[in-house]
């Protein structure tokens, strides 16, 4: 497959990482991104050791150190009184146990680092303003036609265009539409200085409560703090975009009786910087491959944010897919191997994220009676250890 042209739909984390991994192996990636420019959207991303192993292979890890924060621990606390329910070490202990750091970073900072590396390896690979409108394939190639009437032909098309993937819709008509999860998410970022030097140690703090949870952690070298608040709701908000703003008063009202740390962040948030979007997941699909088209990332296995593995799974996909295409000359064999290797792991993590929603969002009795024991259970520790120790560069293909 060397020197072959690989089309990639979407310039998110997974799409850009895939392009880099392919370019490193002599392929010619072409990234087709519908946006006219890559804007600073999104929020913080958690990168556990399994994700950082991939970023190291992609020559990205060293360059993002100044933008990232390595938290010393993660701490779960009662939503109202702030009592500590569970604490797990990160920092040096995570690195020693799993071979890489645990990092927090703004999505835009990671995306820009990926763009910079891709431009070094393949200067003309990223094509903005190219939304794929139709896909045709035959026995030897695949063609993507875009909204600007441009056409691109390649040997493989990788659908890395997210939970509402247009490629998936066209090439996998049997796939179900994204499912509303019964949750929406608030996100906001703000300078740490407005909260004071003693606001929070260098850690992630998760407040859990009935039907809701809030995650706080530092990004951008500790100069900014990221807040994500997930709220169960009966109906979608009809805001299916990371850049969709919502009234500050609605955020305030969702967390009126929550801990003072949460209140302090919300009070300090600029009124025009409150973002809210609905959370959707993709029902499991028995196959990710249709001839020369392959799904990856959220297009294949969109996952709820209750294990903090969405970005990590996309990064793992990118490296495993590139390795498969590099090893097997026959695209059918390469894509079938990718699907076989990745499906079980992604399905398992999807299921765990679904399960954790009830763990994080339980009622008062659950929080005081069950939360700590479930988080300390050996089965939970084994599961998360297996998540973190995964090395996409070494997994058997």
Protein backbone atom coordinates (compact mmCIF):
# COMPACT_ATOMS: atom_id res chain seq x y z
CA UNK A 1 0.00 0.00 0.00
CA UNK A 2 3.03 2.36 0.10
CA UNK A 3 2.72 5.58 -1.94
CA UNK A 4 -1.00 5.04 -2.14
CA UNK A 5 -3.35 7.98 -1.73
CA UNK A 6 -5.60 7.79 1.32
CA UNK A 7 -8.57 10.15 1.56
CA UNK A 8 -9.60 11.17 5.07
CA UNK A 9 -12.92 12.84 5.84
CA UNK A 10 -12.55 15.25 8.75
CA UNK A 11 -9.71 17.26 10.29
CA UNK A 12 -10.49 16.49 13.89
CA UNK A 13 -8.07 14.78 16.26
CA UNK A 14 -8.56 11.34 14.70
CA UNK A 15 -8.40 12.46 11.09
CA UNK A 16 -5.25 14.53 11.53
CA UNK A 17 -3.54 11.83 13.58
CA UNK A 18 -4.36 9.27 10.88
CA UNK A 19 -2.90 11.53 8.20
CA UNK A 20 0.35 11.92 10.17
CA UNK A 21 0.66 8.20 10.86
CA UNK A 22 0.14 7.46 7.17
CA UNK A 23 2.55 10.14 5.98
CA UNK A 24 5.22 8.72 8.30
CA UNK A 25 4.85 5.43 6.44
CA UNK A 26 5.11 6.83 2.93
CA UNK A 27 1.42 7.16 2.09
CA UNK A 28 -0.12 10.26 0.54
CA UNK A 29 -2.92 11.43 2.85
CA UNK A 30 -5.52 13.96 1.75
CA UNK A 31 -7.65 15.39 4.55
CA UNK A 32 -11.01 16.74 3.38
CA UNK A 33 -12.44 19.13 5.98
CA UNK A 34 -15.77 20.90 5.45
CA UNK A 35 -14.89 23.94 7.58
CA UNK A 36 -13.39 26.91 5.75
CA UNK A 37 -10.94 27.38 8.63
CA UNK A 38 -10.01 25.46 11.75
CA UNK A 39 -11.43 27.50 14.60
CA UNK A 40 -10.68 27.28 18.29
CA UNK A 41 -13.70 25.22 19.29
CA UNK A 42 -14.20 22.51 21.83
CA UNK A 43 -12.98 22.24 25.37
CA UNK A 44 -10.42 20.34 27.38
CA UNK A 45 -9.35 16.82 26.47
CA UNK A 46 -8.03 14.18 28.84
CA UNK A 47 -5.10 12.18 27.45
CA UNK A 48 -4.24 9.09 29.47
CA UNK A 49 -1.13 7.00 28.86
CA UNK A 50 -2.67 5.04 25.99
CA UNK A 51 -3.32 8.30 24.12
CA UNK A 52 0.12 9.72 24.93
CA UNK A 53 1.79 6.57 23.57
CA UNK A 54 0.21 7.40 20.21
CA UNK A 55 1.16 11.07 20.38
CA UNK A 56 4.74 10.05 21.09
CA UNK A 57 4.77 7.87 17.98
CA UNK A 58 3.38 10.79 15.96
CA UNK A 59 6.14 13.14 17.19
CA UNK A 60 3.54 15.35 18.89
CA UNK A 61 4.06 14.74 22.60
CA UNK A 62 7.16 16.87 23.17
CA UNK A 63 5.64 19.84 21.36
CA UNK A 64 2.48 19.98 23.47
CA UNK A 65 4.14 19.84 26.90
CA UNK A 66 3.96 23.62 27.40
CA UNK A 67 0.27 23.64 26.49
CA UNK A 68 -0.72 20.68 28.62
CA UNK A 69 -1.02 20.03 32.36
CA UNK A 70 -0.07 16.78 34.09
CA UNK A 71 -2.48 16.50 37.06
CA UNK A 72 -1.25 14.82 40.22
CA UNK A 73 -4.53 13.05 40.92
CA UNK A 74 -8.24 12.85 40.18
CA UNK A 75 -10.62 13.43 43.04
CA UNK A 76 -14.36 12.67 43.14
CA UNK A 77 -16.40 14.76 45.55
CA UNK A 78 -20.00 15.06 46.72
CA UNK A 79 -21.84 17.61 44.62
CA UNK A 80 -23.14 19.65 47.57
CA UNK A 81 -20.99 19.25 50.66
CA UNK A 82 -17.74 18.54 48.84
CA UNK A 83 -16.84 15.46 50.87
CA UNK A 84 -14.27 13.28 49.14
CA UNK A 85 -15.76 10.07 47.76
CA UNK A 86 -12.75 8.67 45.91
CA UNK A 87 -9.24 9.67 44.92
CA UNK A 88 -6.89 8.08 42.38
CA UNK A 89 -3.25 9.06 41.80
CA UNK A 90 -2.10 10.28 38.39
CA UNK A 91 1.15 12.18 37.82
CA UNK A 92 4.30 10.15 38.34
CA UNK A 93 2.40 7.06 39.53
CA UNK A 94 0.38 6.91 36.29
CA UNK A 95 3.54 7.35 34.24
CA UNK A 96 5.43 4.64 36.11
CA UNK A 97 2.50 2.21 35.91
CA UNK A 98 1.59 2.72 32.25
CA UNK A 99 4.67 4.18 30.59
CA UNK A 100 3.37 7.64 29.72
CA UNK A 101 1.91 10.73 31.36
CA UNK A 102 -1.72 11.63 31.96
CA UNK A 103 -2.31 15.07 30.42
CA UNK A 104 -5.04 17.68 30.15
CA UNK A 105 -5.00 19.93 27.08
CA UNK A 106 -7.32 22.21 25.16
CA UNK A 107 -8.61 20.51 22.04
CA UNK A 108 -7.57 23.48 19.88
CA UNK A 109 -3.97 23.28 21.14
CA UNK A 110 -3.76 19.58 20.31
CA UNK A 111 -5.39 20.10 16.93
CA UNK A 112 -2.94 22.87 16.03
CA UNK A 113 0.02 20.70 17.02
CA UNK A 114 -1.30 17.95 14.75
CA UNK A 115 -1.79 20.42 11.88
CA UNK A 116 1.76 21.71 12.29
CA UNK A 117 3.22 18.21 12.17
CA UNK A 118 1.11 17.22 9.18
CA UNK A 119 2.22 20.34 7.29
CA UNK A 120 5.85 19.30 7.83
CA UNK A 121 5.27 15.80 6.47
CA UNK A 122 2.70 16.53 3.77
CA UNK A 123 2.38 20.28 3.15
CA UNK A 124 -0.64 20.10 0.86
CA UNK A 125 -2.54 17.31 2.60
CA UNK A 126 -5.11 19.45 4.42
CA UNK A 127 -7.90 20.70 2.17
CA UNK A 128 -10.34 23.07 3.90
CA UNK A 129 -13.81 23.91 2.65
CA UNK A 130 -14.23 20.47 1.10
CA UNK A 131 -17.40 18.88 2.43
CA UNK A 132 -17.95 15.43 0.96
CA UNK A 133 -21.37 15.17 -0.69
CA UNK A 134 -21.07 11.85 -2.51
CA UNK A 135 -18.87 8.77 -2.53
CA UNK A 136 -18.34 6.32 -5.38
CA UNK A 137 -16.09 3.30 -5.38
CA UNK A 138 -15.06 0.49 -7.67
CA UNK A 139 -12.69 -2.44 -7.48
CA UNK A 140 -9.57 -0.26 -7.57
CA UNK A 141 -10.39 3.18 -6.12
CA UNK A 142 -12.81 5.43 -4.27
CA UNK A 143 -13.91 8.92 -5.35
CA UNK A 144 -15.20 11.68 -3.08
CA UNK A 145 -17.09 14.60 -4.60
CA UNK A 146 -17.31 17.74 -2.50
CA UNK A 147 -19.76 20.60 -2.16
CA UNK A 148 -17.46 22.90 -4.14
CA UNK A 149 -17.65 20.40 -7.05
CA UNK A 150 -14.05 19.28 -6.51
CA UNK A 151 -13.33 15.56 -6.77
CA UNK A 152 -10.69 13.47 -5.05
CA UNK A 153 -9.77 9.91 -5.93
CA UNK A 154 -7.84 7.60 -3.65
CA UNK A 155 -7.22 4.00 -2.74
CA UNK A 156 -9.03 4.19 0.61
CA UNK A 157 -11.49 6.62 2.22
CA UNK A 158 -11.30 6.96 6.01
CA UNK A 159 -14.42 8.37 7.62
CA UNK A 160 -13.15 10.42 10.55
CA UNK A 161 -15.95 12.98 10.34
CA UNK A 162 -17.55 12.50 13.74
CA UNK A 163 -20.76 11.29 15.28
CA UNK A 164 -22.86 12.78 12.45
CA UNK A 165 -20.57 11.39 9.76
CA UNK A 166 -21.84 12.13 6.27
CA UNK A 167 -19.65 9.34 4.88
CA UNK A 168 -21.20 6.82 7.28
CA UNK A 169 -24.67 7.95 6.24
CA UNK A 170 -23.86 7.47 2.54
CA UNK A 171 -21.80 4.29 2.67
CA UNK A 172 -23.49 2.51 5.59
CA UNK A 173 -27.22 3.17 5.01
CA UNK A 174 -28.08 0.30 7.35
CA UNK A 175 -26.51 2.20 10.26
CA UNK A 176 -28.88 3.80 12.75
CA UNK A 177 -28.97 7.53 13.26
CA UNK A 178 -27.12 8.93 16.29
CA UNK A 179 -29.05 8.26 19.50
CA UNK A 180 -29.88 10.95 22.03
CA UNK A 181 -28.29 9.87 25.30
CA UNK A 182 -30.57 11.83 27.61
CA UNK A 183 -27.70 14.19 28.47
CA UNK A 184 -26.46 17.57 27.42
CA UNK A 185 -23.09 19.07 28.34
CA UNK A 186 -22.01 22.53 29.37
CA UNK A 187 -18.47 23.60 28.68
CA UNK A 188 -16.53 26.72 29.40
CA UNK A 189 -12.93 27.80 29.89
CA UNK A 190 -11.62 30.83 31.75
CA UNK A 191 -8.31 32.24 33.00
CA UNK A 192 -7.16 30.73 36.26
CA UNK A 193 -6.25 34.19 37.57
CA UNK A 194 -9.89 35.17 38.06
CA UNK A 195 -10.34 32.28 40.52
CA UNK A 196 -7.31 32.96 42.70
CA UNK A 197 -4.08 31.06 43.35
CA UNK A 198 -5.62 28.73 45.94
CA UNK A 199 -8.70 27.69 43.98
CA UNK A 200 -7.70 24.07 43.34
CA UNK A 201 -4.53 21.96 43.54
CA UNK A 202 -2.99 20.62 40.34
CA UNK A 203 -5.59 17.89 39.92
CA UNK A 204 -8.87 17.01 38.27
CA UNK A 205 -11.89 17.46 40.52
CA UNK A 206 -15.15 15.72 39.67
CA UNK A 207 -18.32 16.65 41.54
CA UNK A 208 -20.96 13.92 41.21
CA UNK A 209 -24.62 14.26 42.06
CA UNK A 210 -28.15 13.20 41.16
CA UNK A 211 -28.52 13.37 37.39
CA UNK A 212 -25.43 15.54 36.90
CA UNK A 213 -21.68 15.81 37.26
CA UNK A 214 -19.07 18.55 36.86
CA UNK A 215 -15.40 18.13 35.92
CA UNK A 216 -12.80 20.83 36.62
CA UNK A 217 -9.18 20.73 35.51
CA UNK A 218 -6.36 22.98 34.35
CA UNK A 219 -5.26 23.42 30.75
CA UNK A 220 -2.84 25.64 28.82
CA UNK A 221 0.03 25.16 31.21
CA UNK A 222 -2.22 25.88 34.18
CA UNK A 223 -3.13 29.35 32.95
CA UNK A 224 -6.73 28.36 32.18
CA UNK A 225 -9.29 26.09 33.79
CA UNK A 226 -11.76 23.88 31.96
CA UNK A 227 -15.23 23.08 33.20
CA UNK A 228 -17.56 20.47 31.76
CA UNK A 229 -20.96 19.89 33.31
CA UNK A 230 -23.12 16.98 32.13
CA UNK A 231 -26.84 17.15 32.87
CA UNK A 232 -29.54 14.55 32.32
CA UNK A 233 -32.57 15.96 30.54
CA UNK A 234 -35.82 14.59 29.14
CA UNK A 235 -35.48 16.13 25.69
CA UNK A 236 -32.61 17.38 23.52
CA UNK A 237 -31.79 21.07 23.54
CA UNK A 238 -31.54 21.10 19.73
CA UNK A 239 -28.01 22.38 20.08
CA UNK A 240 -25.84 19.80 18.38
CA UNK A 241 -22.67 21.83 18.03
CA UNK A 242 -19.63 22.52 20.18
CA UNK A 243 -19.91 26.19 19.21
CA UNK A 244 -23.58 26.62 20.20
CA UNK A 245 -23.97 29.15 22.98
CA UNK A 246 -26.66 29.05 25.65
CA UNK A 247 -27.77 31.53 28.34
CA UNK A 248 -25.49 31.89 31.35
CA UNK A 249 -28.59 31.87 33.55
CA UNK A 250 -29.42 28.35 32.36
CA UNK A 251 -25.98 27.11 33.40
CA UNK A 252 -26.36 28.83 36.76
CA UNK A 253 -29.78 27.29 37.33
CA UNK A 254 -28.55 23.77 36.51
CA UNK A 255 -26.10 23.90 39.42
CA UNK A 256 -27.79 26.20 41.95
CA UNK A 257 -27.27 23.95 44.99
CA UNK A 258 -23.81 22.68 44.03
CA UNK A 259 -20.50 23.11 45.84
CA UNK A 260 -19.01 26.63 46.16
CA UNK A 261 -16.15 25.70 43.79
CA UNK A 262 -18.67 25.05 41.04
CA UNK A 263 -20.53 28.23 41.93
CA UNK A 264 -17.30 30.24 41.83
CA UNK A 265 -16.44 29.04 38.33
CA UNK A 266 -19.92 29.73 36.99
CA UNK A 267 -19.99 33.19 38.57
CA UNK A 268 -16.69 34.06 36.89
CA UNK A 269 -17.62 32.80 33.42
CA UNK A 270 -18.17 35.56 30.86
CA UNK A 271 -21.87 35.67 30.08
CA UNK A 272 -21.22 35.15 26.36
CA UNK A 273 -18.88 32.17 26.83
CA UNK A 274 -21.33 29.45 27.93
CA UNK A 275 -21.58 26.57 25.49
CA UNK A 276 -24.06 23.71 25.63
CA UNK A 277 -24.48 20.75 23.30
CA UNK A 278 -26.48 17.56 23.24
CA UNK A 279 -24.65 14.27 23.74
CA UNK A 280 -25.29 11.57 21.17
CA UNK A 281 -23.83 8.12 20.78
CA UNK A 282 -23.67 5.73 17.86
CA UNK A 283 -25.39 2.36 18.27
CA UNK A 284 -22.94 -0.46 17.70
CA UNK A 285 -22.47 -1.41 14.07
CA UNK A 286 -21.41 -4.95 13.25
CA UNK A 287 -18.96 -3.74 10.60
CA UNK A 288 -16.89 -0.62 9.99
CA UNK A 289 -15.80 -1.45 6.45
CA UNK A 290 -17.60 -1.12 3.12
CA UNK A 291 -15.16 -2.16 0.40
CA UNK A 292 -12.68 0.76 0.34
CA UNK A 293 -14.39 2.90 2.98
CA UNK A 294 -13.61 2.50 6.67
CA UNK A 295 -15.09 4.18 9.77
CA UNK A 296 -12.98 5.34 12.72
CA UNK A 297 -13.30 7.52 15.81
CA UNK A 298 -16.73 8.90 16.66
CA UNK A 299 -18.01 7.92 13.21
CA UNK A 300 -17.53 4.29 14.28
CA UNK A 301 -17.89 4.29 18.06
CA UNK A 302 -19.02 7.60 19.59
CA UNK A 303 -18.68 7.20 23.33
CA UNK A 304 -20.17 9.01 26.31
CA UNK A 305 -17.65 11.06 28.33
CA UNK A 306 -17.84 8.89 31.45
CA UNK A 307 -14.49 7.15 30.91
CA UNK A 308 -12.71 10.14 29.31
CA UNK A 309 -11.57 8.02 26.35
CA UNK A 310 -13.18 9.59 23.27
CA UNK A 311 -10.04 11.31 21.99
CA UNK A 312 -7.83 8.42 23.12
CA UNK A 313 -9.83 5.88 21.12
CA UNK A 314 -9.60 8.02 17.98
CA UNK A 315 -5.85 8.33 18.45
CA UNK A 316 -5.51 4.57 18.94
CA UNK A 317 -7.57 4.01 15.79
CA UNK A 318 -5.27 6.27 13.79
CA UNK A 319 -2.10 4.36 14.57
CA UNK A 320 -3.59 0.88 14.30
CA UNK A 321 -5.18 1.74 10.94
CA UNK A 322 -1.91 3.13 9.58
CA UNK A 323 -0.04 0.05 10.75
CA UNK A 324 -2.58 -2.26 9.08
CA UNK A 325 -2.39 -0.39 5.78
CA UNK A 326 1.39 -0.44 6.01
CA UNK A 327 1.61 -4.17 6.68
CA UNK A 328 -0.96 -5.51 4.21
CA UNK A 329 -0.78 -4.66 0.53
CA UNK A 330 -4.34 -5.83 -0.02
CA UNK A 331 -6.76 -3.14 1.24
CA UNK A 332 -9.45 -5.70 2.02
CA UNK A 333 -7.11 -7.55 4.36
CA UNK A 334 -5.80 -4.33 5.90
CA UNK A 335 -9.23 -2.90 6.68
CA UNK A 336 -10.62 -6.22 7.90
CA UNK A 337 -7.67 -6.52 10.28
CA UNK A 338 -8.22 -3.00 11.60
CA UNK A 339 -11.88 -3.78 12.26
CA UNK A 340 -11.08 -7.09 13.95
CA UNK A 341 -8.44 -5.57 16.21
CA UNK A 342 -10.30 -2.43 17.22
CA UNK A 343 -13.97 -3.39 17.53
CA UNK A 344 -13.81 -5.42 20.76
CA UNK A 345 -11.86 -2.78 22.67
CA UNK A 346 -14.01 0.13 21.50
CA UNK A 347 -17.25 -1.72 22.23
CA UNK A 348 -16.05 -2.59 25.72
CA UNK A 349 -15.18 1.01 26.52
CA UNK A 350 -18.47 2.26 25.05
CA UNK A 351 -20.34 -0.11 27.34
CA UNK A 352 -18.31 0.96 30.38
CA UNK A 353 -19.06 4.62 29.64
CA UNK A 354 -22.78 3.84 29.48
CA UNK A 355 -22.53 1.99 32.77
CA UNK A 356 -20.66 4.84 34.44
CA UNK A 357 -23.45 7.30 33.73
CA UNK A 358 -25.57 5.71 36.44
CA UNK A 359 -22.50 5.53 38.71
CA UNK A 360 -21.76 9.26 38.36
CA UNK A 361 -25.38 10.41 38.35
CA UNK A 362 -26.86 8.32 41.16
CA UNK A 363 -29.18 9.62 43.86
CA UNK A 364 -28.08 10.71 47.31
CA UNK A 365 -28.35 7.23 48.77
CA UNK A 366 -26.22 5.80 45.98
CA UNK A 367 -23.53 8.46 46.44
CA UNK A 368 -23.21 7.83 50.15
CA UNK A 369 -23.62 4.04 50.00
CA UNK A 370 -22.28 2.68 46.70
CA UNK A 371 -20.11 5.17 44.81
CA UNK A 372 -16.87 4.73 46.73
CA UNK A 373 -17.11 0.94 46.94
CA UNK A 374 -17.76 0.65 43.20
CA UNK A 375 -14.85 2.93 42.33
CA UNK A 376 -12.56 0.91 44.62
CA UNK A 377 -13.74 -2.47 43.35
CA UNK A 378 -10.93 -4.66 41.93
CA UNK A 379 -12.94 -5.11 38.73
CA UNK A 380 -13.01 -1.33 38.16
CA UNK A 381 -9.27 -1.05 38.79
CA UNK A 382 -8.52 -3.92 36.39
CA UNK A 383 -10.71 -2.41 33.69
CA UNK A 384 -9.13 1.04 33.86
CA UNK A 385 -5.63 -0.45 34.04
CA UNK A 386 -6.32 -2.35 30.83
CA UNK A 387 -7.56 0.87 29.23
CA UNK A 388 -4.43 2.80 30.17
CA UNK A 389 -1.78 0.18 29.36
CA UNK A 390 -2.92 -0.32 25.75
CA UNK A 391 -0.16 0.45 23.24
CA UNK A 392 -1.48 0.95 19.72
CA UNK A 393 2.03 0.71 18.32
CA UNK A 394 2.51 -2.80 19.75
CA UNK A 395 -0.91 -4.42 19.54
CA UNK A 396 -0.82 -7.51 17.36
CA UNK A 397 -2.09 -7.05 13.82
